[in-house]
């Protein structure tokens, strides 16, 4: 990735290309947008985001557009900026009701669900963004408040896993957007926060994180069967 290096950034995939947004370098917030082409193994600079989202926003994709939401920069951020990779342009959209960072998000049926995070205290808040209506709606909160959690989407359900609520968590909760309800599921084996999640063929992989030490742990979660299997670290 072109200099400067950054952390606390967000990334999204559209049409086979990776887009990197926000974050901070060693001393300053970064607003530049970068596009990575895996086929050409090349980077291109794109139009910078008009909002300084800085630390730990989320980037979610709906219908080929990227929504860069929240973050923290000398205060918690509620801004919601839409990026169109085709026109390489940004549009300001309706702000998230609860300014926050260190949250996670999942997309189901064209709507973005922002889950948990930190706004000066760790929260369980869930808010749904509808890009077509450009509107937000409050949804049922998680049973456990947490930040630096991971979210995976499988079978049109959202799974909030791990994170921190004064200490690393193993908690797994399943959200049904139709019923607007949460169900507690089988806990993750390894308590951790700051982990990453990815879904492949209906299974969610929970990778890395922190639990008093940096972890290389990789667990596979099968939502239908609701159990975890340790995979190769």
C-alpha atoms as a PDB file:
ATOM      1  CA  UNK A   1       0.000   0.000   0.000  1.00  0.00           C
ATOM      2  CA  UNK A   2       1.345   3.460  -0.813  1.00  0.00           C
ATOM      3  CA  UNK A   3       2.670   5.584   2.058  1.00  0.00           C
ATOM      4  CA  UNK A   4       1.676   6.619   4.575  1.00  0.00           C
ATOM      5  CA  UNK A   5       1.058   3.389   6.422  1.00  0.00           C
ATOM      6  CA  UNK A   6      -2.089   3.474   8.494  1.00  0.00           C
ATOM      7  CA  UNK A   7      -4.059   1.718  11.218  1.00  0.00           C
ATOM      8  CA  UNK A   8      -7.670   1.878  12.384  1.00  0.00           C
ATOM      9  CA  UNK A   9      -8.774   2.061   8.740  1.00  0.00           C
ATOM     10  CA  UNK A  10     -11.606   0.324   6.886  1.00  0.00           C
ATOM     11  CA  UNK A  11     -11.725  -1.693   3.671  1.00  0.00           C
ATOM     12  CA  UNK A  12     -14.401  -2.918   1.275  1.00  0.00           C
ATOM     13  CA  UNK A  13     -14.603  -4.924  -1.959  1.00  0.00           C
ATOM     14  CA  UNK A  14     -16.542  -3.741  -5.036  1.00  0.00           C
ATOM     15  CA  UNK A  15     -16.346  -5.397  -8.477  1.00  0.00           C
ATOM     16  CA  UNK A  16     -13.219  -7.342  -7.599  1.00  0.00           C
ATOM     17  CA  UNK A  17     -11.248  -4.368  -6.317  1.00  0.00           C
ATOM     18  CA  UNK A  18     -10.321  -3.466  -2.743  1.00  0.00           C
ATOM     19  CA  UNK A  19     -10.919   0.045  -1.417  1.00  0.00           C
ATOM     20  CA  UNK A  20      -9.129   1.327   1.690  1.00  0.00           C
ATOM     21  CA  UNK A  21     -10.424   4.308   3.649  1.00  0.00           C
ATOM     22  CA  UNK A  22      -9.537   6.486   6.655  1.00  0.00           C
ATOM     23  CA  UNK A  23      -7.299   5.478   9.561  1.00  0.00           C
ATOM     24  CA  UNK A  24      -4.308   7.283  11.013  1.00  0.00           C
ATOM     25  CA  UNK A  25      -0.599   7.240  10.274  1.00  0.00           C
ATOM     26  CA  UNK A  26       1.922   7.640  13.089  1.00  0.00           C
ATOM     27  CA  UNK A  27       0.642  11.090  14.026  1.00  0.00           C
ATOM     28  CA  UNK A  28      -2.180  12.267  11.754  1.00  0.00           C
ATOM     29  CA  UNK A  29      -5.590  11.178  10.458  1.00  0.00           C
ATOM     30  CA  UNK A  30      -5.644   9.907   6.868  1.00  0.00           C
ATOM     31  CA  UNK A  31      -8.480  10.869   4.508  1.00  0.00           C
ATOM     32  CA  UNK A  32      -7.114   9.406   1.279  1.00  0.00           C
ATOM     33  CA  UNK A  33      -8.938   6.663  -0.598  1.00  0.00           C
ATOM     34  CA  UNK A  34      -6.927   3.892  -2.248  1.00  0.00           C
ATOM     35  CA  UNK A  35      -8.009   1.266  -4.772  1.00  0.00           C
ATOM     36  CA  UNK A  36      -6.163  -2.054  -5.054  1.00  0.00           C
ATOM     37  CA  UNK A  37      -6.433  -4.217  -8.174  1.00  0.00           C
ATOM     38  CA  UNK A  38      -5.495  -7.832  -7.279  1.00  0.00           C
ATOM     39  CA  UNK A  39      -5.175  -8.814 -10.947  1.00  0.00           C
ATOM     40  CA  UNK A  40      -2.653  -6.093 -11.742  1.00  0.00           C
ATOM     41  CA  UNK A  41      -1.239  -6.065  -8.191  1.00  0.00           C
ATOM     42  CA  UNK A  42      -1.403  -2.278  -8.330  1.00  0.00           C
ATOM     43  CA  UNK A  43      -2.665   0.653  -6.251  1.00  0.00           C
ATOM     44  CA  UNK A  44      -4.387   3.836  -7.474  1.00  0.00           C
ATOM     45  CA  UNK A  45      -5.256   6.929  -5.442  1.00  0.00           C
ATOM     46  CA  UNK A  46      -8.909   7.941  -5.571  1.00  0.00           C
ATOM     47  CA  UNK A  47     -10.930  10.933  -4.374  1.00  0.00           C
ATOM     48  CA  UNK A  48     -10.439  11.566  -0.672  1.00  0.00           C
ATOM     49  CA  UNK A  49     -13.378  11.288   1.684  1.00  0.00           C
ATOM     50  CA  UNK A  50     -14.829  14.710   2.618  1.00  0.00           C
ATOM     51  CA  UNK A  51     -15.146  13.641   6.274  1.00  0.00           C
ATOM     52  CA  UNK A  52     -12.194  12.820   8.492  1.00  0.00           C
ATOM     53  CA  UNK A  53     -13.435   9.463   9.825  1.00  0.00           C
ATOM     54  CA  UNK A  54      -9.975   8.640  11.239  1.00  0.00           C
ATOM     55  CA  UNK A  55     -10.075   5.770  13.757  1.00  0.00           C
ATOM     56  CA  UNK A  56     -12.201   2.644  13.360  1.00  0.00           C
ATOM     57  CA  UNK A  57     -15.111   3.551  11.072  1.00  0.00           C
ATOM     58  CA  UNK A  58     -16.984   0.781   9.260  1.00  0.00           C
ATOM     59  CA  UNK A  59     -17.231   0.320   5.488  1.00  0.00           C
ATOM     60  CA  UNK A  60     -20.266  -1.557   4.160  1.00  0.00           C
ATOM     61  CA  UNK A  61     -21.252  -2.266   0.548  1.00  0.00           C
ATOM     62  CA  UNK A  62     -24.787  -2.111  -0.845  1.00  0.00           C
ATOM     63  CA  UNK A  63     -25.565  -2.189  -4.584  1.00  0.00           C
ATOM     64  CA  UNK A  64     -22.020  -1.322  -5.603  1.00  0.00           C
ATOM     65  CA  UNK A  65     -21.703   1.686  -3.296  1.00  0.00           C
ATOM     66  CA  UNK A  66     -19.544   1.878  -0.165  1.00  0.00           C
ATOM     67  CA  UNK A  67     -20.868   3.495   3.004  1.00  0.00           C
ATOM     68  CA  UNK A  68     -18.150   4.794   5.323  1.00  0.00           C
ATOM     69  CA  UNK A  69     -19.755   5.379   8.716  1.00  0.00           C
ATOM     70  CA  UNK A  70     -18.663   6.606  12.141  1.00  0.00           C
ATOM     71  CA  UNK A  71     -15.161   6.607  13.602  1.00  0.00           C
ATOM     72  CA  UNK A  72     -13.323   8.886  16.004  1.00  0.00           C
ATOM     73  CA  UNK A  73     -11.194  11.989  15.570  1.00  0.00           C
ATOM     74  CA  UNK A  74     -10.982  14.192  18.688  1.00  0.00           C
ATOM     75  CA  UNK A  75     -14.580  13.115  19.259  1.00  0.00           C
ATOM     76  CA  UNK A  76     -16.924  10.375  18.127  1.00  0.00           C
ATOM     77  CA  UNK A  77     -18.236  10.630  14.571  1.00  0.00           C
ATOM     78  CA  UNK A  78     -21.735  10.055  13.193  1.00  0.00           C
ATOM     79  CA  UNK A  79     -21.014  10.957   9.547  1.00  0.00           C
ATOM     80  CA  UNK A  80     -22.169   8.607   6.793  1.00  0.00           C
ATOM     81  CA  UNK A  81     -20.429   9.093   3.440  1.00  0.00           C
ATOM     82  CA  UNK A  82     -21.327   7.158   0.300  1.00  0.00           C
ATOM     83  CA  UNK A  83     -18.554   6.347  -2.180  1.00  0.00           C
ATOM     84  CA  UNK A  84     -19.334   5.459  -5.794  1.00  0.00           C
ATOM     85  CA  UNK A  85     -16.337   3.629  -7.322  1.00  0.00           C
ATOM     86  CA  UNK A  86     -17.676   4.085 -10.865  1.00  0.00           C
ATOM     87  CA  UNK A  87     -17.763   7.890 -10.715  1.00  0.00           C
ATOM     88  CA  UNK A  88     -15.039   8.086  -8.013  1.00  0.00           C
ATOM     89  CA  UNK A  89     -17.233  10.489  -6.058  1.00  0.00           C
ATOM     90  CA  UNK A  90     -18.519  10.969  -2.523  1.00  0.00           C
ATOM     91  CA  UNK A  91     -22.011  11.931  -1.347  1.00  0.00           C
ATOM     92  CA  UNK A  92     -22.923  12.877   2.210  1.00  0.00           C
ATOM     93  CA  UNK A  93     -25.825  10.780   3.474  1.00  0.00           C
ATOM     94  CA  UNK A  94     -27.975  10.803   6.593  1.00  0.00           C
ATOM     95  CA  UNK A  95     -25.799  10.704   9.718  1.00  0.00           C
ATOM     96  CA  UNK A  96     -25.903   7.751  12.088  1.00  0.00           C
ATOM     97  CA  UNK A  97     -27.988   8.621  15.187  1.00  0.00           C
ATOM     98  CA  UNK A  98     -25.354   7.328  17.636  1.00  0.00           C
ATOM     99  CA  UNK A  99     -21.839   8.665  17.036  1.00  0.00           C
ATOM    100  CA  UNK A 100     -19.297   5.922  17.798  1.00  0.00           C
ATOM    101  CA  UNK A 101     -16.229   3.945  16.834  1.00  0.00           C
ATOM    102  CA  UNK A 102     -15.007   0.366  17.404  1.00  0.00           C
ATOM    103  CA  UNK A 103     -18.357  -0.990  16.204  1.00  0.00           C
ATOM    104  CA  UNK A 104     -19.049  -3.673  13.593  1.00  0.00           C
ATOM    105  CA  UNK A 105     -21.599  -3.966  10.813  1.00  0.00           C
ATOM    106  CA  UNK A 106     -23.376  -6.472   8.608  1.00  0.00           C
ATOM    107  CA  UNK A 107     -25.515  -6.144   5.480  1.00  0.00           C
ATOM    108  CA  UNK A 108     -28.763  -8.101   5.064  1.00  0.00           C
ATOM    109  CA  UNK A 109     -31.311  -7.535   2.283  1.00  0.00           C
ATOM    110  CA  UNK A 110     -29.757  -4.242   1.233  1.00  0.00           C
ATOM    111  CA  UNK A 111     -29.714  -2.694   4.692  1.00  0.00           C
ATOM    112  CA  UNK A 112     -26.726  -1.963   6.923  1.00  0.00           C
ATOM    113  CA  UNK A 113     -26.836  -2.925  10.584  1.00  0.00           C
ATOM    114  CA  UNK A 114     -24.321  -1.125  12.818  1.00  0.00           C
ATOM    115  CA  UNK A 115     -23.739  -3.047  16.026  1.00  0.00           C
ATOM    116  CA  UNK A 116     -22.192  -2.074  19.364  1.00  0.00           C
ATOM    117  CA  UNK A 117     -19.106   0.116  19.691  1.00  0.00           C
ATOM    118  CA  UNK A 118     -17.808   2.867  21.911  1.00  0.00           C
ATOM    119  CA  UNK A 119     -19.153   6.409  22.366  1.00  0.00           C
ATOM    120  CA  UNK A 120     -17.403   7.233  25.605  1.00  0.00           C
ATOM    121  CA  UNK A 121     -18.782   4.027  27.075  1.00  0.00           C
ATOM    122  CA  UNK A 122     -19.232   0.584  25.590  1.00  0.00           C
ATOM    123  CA  UNK A 123     -22.707   0.179  24.085  1.00  0.00           C
ATOM    124  CA  UNK A 124     -25.082  -2.533  22.851  1.00  0.00           C
ATOM    125  CA  UNK A 125     -26.863  -0.194  20.422  1.00  0.00           C
ATOM    126  CA  UNK A 126     -28.033  -1.469  17.019  1.00  0.00           C
ATOM    127  CA  UNK A 127     -29.074   0.895  14.220  1.00  0.00           C
ATOM    128  CA  UNK A 128     -30.289   0.021  10.726  1.00  0.00           C
ATOM    129  CA  UNK A 129     -29.486   2.173   7.694  1.00  0.00           C
ATOM    130  CA  UNK A 130     -31.624   1.958   4.558  1.00  0.00           C
ATOM    131  CA  UNK A 131     -29.634   3.455   1.632  1.00  0.00           C
ATOM    132  CA  UNK A 132     -32.716   3.680  -0.616  1.00  0.00           C
ATOM    133  CA  UNK A 133     -34.718   5.725   1.897  1.00  0.00           C
ATOM    134  CA  UNK A 134     -31.542   7.344   3.285  1.00  0.00           C
ATOM    135  CA  UNK A 135     -32.926   6.790   6.773  1.00  0.00           C
ATOM    136  CA  UNK A 136     -31.924   5.222  10.087  1.00  0.00           C
ATOM    137  CA  UNK A 137     -34.018   3.149  12.492  1.00  0.00           C
ATOM    138  CA  UNK A 138     -33.234   2.042  16.031  1.00  0.00           C
ATOM    139  CA  UNK A 139     -33.339  -1.737  16.462  1.00  0.00           C
ATOM    140  CA  UNK A 140     -33.287  -4.087  19.432  1.00  0.00           C
ATOM    141  CA  UNK A 141     -29.996  -3.816  21.305  1.00  0.00           C
ATOM    142  CA  UNK A 142     -27.731  -6.775  21.931  1.00  0.00           C
ATOM    143  CA  UNK A 143     -28.006  -8.390  25.347  1.00  0.00           C
ATOM    144  CA  UNK A 144     -24.296  -7.696  25.920  1.00  0.00           C
ATOM    145  CA  UNK A 145     -22.730  -4.264  25.353  1.00  0.00           C
ATOM    146  CA  UNK A 146     -19.405  -4.533  23.532  1.00  0.00           C
ATOM    147  CA  UNK A 147     -16.847  -2.806  21.358  1.00  0.00           C
ATOM    148  CA  UNK A 148     -14.064  -4.150  19.108  1.00  0.00           C
ATOM    149  CA  UNK A 149     -16.311  -7.093  18.290  1.00  0.00           C
ATOM    150  CA  UNK A 150     -16.600  -9.102  15.078  1.00  0.00           C
ATOM    151  CA  UNK A 151     -19.716  -9.508  12.944  1.00  0.00           C
ATOM    152  CA  UNK A 152     -20.413 -12.252  10.430  1.00  0.00           C
ATOM    153  CA  UNK A 153     -23.456 -12.669   8.178  1.00  0.00           C
ATOM    154  CA  UNK A 154     -24.849 -16.089   7.260  1.00  0.00           C
ATOM    155  CA  UNK A 155     -28.316 -17.266   6.219  1.00  0.00           C
ATOM    156  CA  UNK A 156     -29.615 -13.662   6.348  1.00  0.00           C
ATOM    157  CA  UNK A 157     -28.768 -13.484  10.050  1.00  0.00           C
ATOM    158  CA  UNK A 158     -26.144 -11.322  11.763  1.00  0.00           C
ATOM    159  CA  UNK A 159     -23.777 -12.861  14.290  1.00  0.00           C
ATOM    160  CA  UNK A 160     -22.105 -10.594  16.862  1.00  0.00           C
ATOM    161  CA  UNK A 161     -19.121 -12.424  18.318  1.00  0.00           C
ATOM    162  CA  UNK A 162     -16.522 -11.630  20.966  1.00  0.00           C
ATOM    163  CA  UNK A 163     -15.341  -8.098  21.626  1.00  0.00           C
ATOM    164  CA  UNK A 164     -14.712  -6.284  24.878  1.00  0.00           C
ATOM    165  CA  UNK A 165     -16.987  -5.155  27.672  1.00  0.00           C
ATOM    166  CA  UNK A 166     -14.405  -4.404  30.333  1.00  0.00           C
ATOM    167  CA  UNK A 167     -12.600  -7.584  29.309  1.00  0.00           C
ATOM    168  CA  UNK A 168     -12.453  -9.991  26.350  1.00  0.00           C
ATOM    169  CA  UNK A 169     -15.687 -11.871  25.587  1.00  0.00           C
ATOM    170  CA  UNK A 170     -16.694 -15.242  24.151  1.00  0.00           C
ATOM    171  CA  UNK A 171     -20.331 -14.218  23.705  1.00  0.00           C
ATOM    172  CA  UNK A 172     -22.105 -15.086  20.444  1.00  0.00           C
ATOM    173  CA  UNK A 173     -25.470 -13.506  19.607  1.00  0.00           C
ATOM    174  CA  UNK A 174     -27.625 -14.016  16.516  1.00  0.00           C
ATOM    175  CA  UNK A 175     -29.774 -11.193  15.156  1.00  0.00           C
ATOM    176  CA  UNK A 176     -32.850 -11.845  13.024  1.00  0.00           C
ATOM    177  CA  UNK A 177     -33.632  -8.634  11.083  1.00  0.00           C
ATOM    178  CA  UNK A 178     -37.172  -9.805  10.257  1.00  0.00           C
ATOM    179  CA  UNK A 179     -38.128 -10.503  13.877  1.00  0.00           C
ATOM    180  CA  UNK A 180     -35.848  -7.695  15.175  1.00  0.00           C
ATOM    181  CA  UNK A 181     -34.663 -10.027  17.915  1.00  0.00           C
ATOM    182  CA  UNK A 182     -31.419 -11.403  19.359  1.00  0.00           C
ATOM    183  CA  UNK A 183     -30.774 -14.986  20.415  1.00  0.00           C
ATOM    184  CA  UNK A 184     -27.786 -16.110  22.466  1.00  0.00           C
ATOM    185  CA  UNK A 185     -25.849 -18.849  20.682  1.00  0.00           C
ATOM    186  CA  UNK A 186     -22.926 -21.119  21.548  1.00  0.00           C
ATOM    187  CA  UNK A 187     -20.069 -19.078  23.001  1.00  0.00           C
ATOM    188  CA  UNK A 188     -16.783 -18.837  21.156  1.00  0.00           C
ATOM    189  CA  UNK A 189     -14.102 -21.044  22.719  1.00  0.00           C
ATOM    190  CA  UNK A 190     -11.478 -18.306  23.056  1.00  0.00           C
ATOM    191  CA  UNK A 191     -12.381 -14.993  24.700  1.00  0.00           C
ATOM    192  CA  UNK A 192     -10.965 -12.123  22.630  1.00  0.00           C
ATOM    193  CA  UNK A 193     -11.501  -8.636  21.293  1.00  0.00           C
ATOM    194  CA  UNK A 194     -10.130  -6.920  18.207  1.00  0.00           C
ATOM    195  CA  UNK A 195     -10.666 -10.079  16.162  1.00  0.00           C
ATOM    196  CA  UNK A 196     -11.658 -10.287  12.498  1.00  0.00           C
ATOM    197  CA  UNK A 197     -14.489 -12.282  10.914  1.00  0.00           C
ATOM    198  CA  UNK A 198     -15.072 -13.625   7.418  1.00  0.00           C
ATOM    199  CA  UNK A 199     -17.865 -15.814   6.043  1.00  0.00           C
ATOM    200  CA  UNK A 200     -17.209 -18.591   3.530  1.00  0.00           C
ATOM    201  CA  UNK A 201     -19.883 -21.071   2.379  1.00  0.00           C
ATOM    202  CA  UNK A 202     -22.138 -20.250   5.315  1.00  0.00           C
ATOM    203  CA  UNK A 203     -19.434 -20.678   7.956  1.00  0.00           C
ATOM    204  CA  UNK A 204     -17.890 -17.809   9.915  1.00  0.00           C
ATOM    205  CA  UNK A 205     -14.154 -17.755  10.634  1.00  0.00           C
ATOM    206  CA  UNK A 206     -12.992 -15.808  13.703  1.00  0.00           C
ATOM    207  CA  UNK A 207      -9.325 -14.953  13.393  1.00  0.00           C
ATOM    208  CA  UNK A 208      -6.779 -13.397  15.732  1.00  0.00           C
ATOM    209  CA  UNK A 209      -7.530 -10.809  18.394  1.00  0.00           C
ATOM    210  CA  UNK A 210      -6.313  -9.966  21.876  1.00  0.00           C
ATOM    211  CA  UNK A 211      -6.886 -11.559  25.265  1.00  0.00           C
ATOM    212  CA  UNK A 212      -4.011 -10.409  27.432  1.00  0.00           C
ATOM    213  CA  UNK A 213      -1.702 -11.422  24.602  1.00  0.00           C
ATOM    214  CA  UNK A 214      -1.838 -11.204  20.801  1.00  0.00           C
ATOM    215  CA  UNK A 215      -3.569 -14.273  19.377  1.00  0.00           C
ATOM    216  CA  UNK A 216      -3.273 -16.305  16.189  1.00  0.00           C
ATOM    217  CA  UNK A 217      -6.377 -18.346  17.056  1.00  0.00           C
ATOM    218  CA  UNK A 218      -8.692 -19.342  14.190  1.00  0.00           C
ATOM    219  CA  UNK A 219     -12.122 -20.765  15.021  1.00  0.00           C
ATOM    220  CA  UNK A 220     -14.823 -21.855  12.587  1.00  0.00           C
ATOM    221  CA  UNK A 221     -18.438 -21.235  13.575  1.00  0.00           C
ATOM    222  CA  UNK A 222     -21.267 -23.158  11.928  1.00  0.00           C
ATOM    223  CA  UNK A 223     -24.453 -21.144  12.578  1.00  0.00           C
ATOM    224  CA  UNK A 224     -26.980 -23.876  11.775  1.00  0.00           C
ATOM    225  CA  UNK A 225     -25.306 -26.426  14.022  1.00  0.00           C
ATOM    226  CA  UNK A 226     -24.152 -23.689  16.439  1.00  0.00           C
ATOM    227  CA  UNK A 227     -20.742 -25.044  17.334  1.00  0.00           C
ATOM    228  CA  UNK A 228     -17.113 -24.025  16.993  1.00  0.00           C
ATOM    229  CA  UNK A 229     -14.178 -25.981  15.592  1.00  0.00           C
ATOM    230  CA  UNK A 230     -10.543 -24.971  16.062  1.00  0.00           C
ATOM    231  CA  UNK A 231      -8.774 -24.595  12.714  1.00  0.00           C
ATOM    232  CA  UNK A 232      -5.085 -24.257  11.917  1.00  0.00           C
ATOM    233  CA  UNK A 233      -3.619 -21.028  13.337  1.00  0.00           C
END
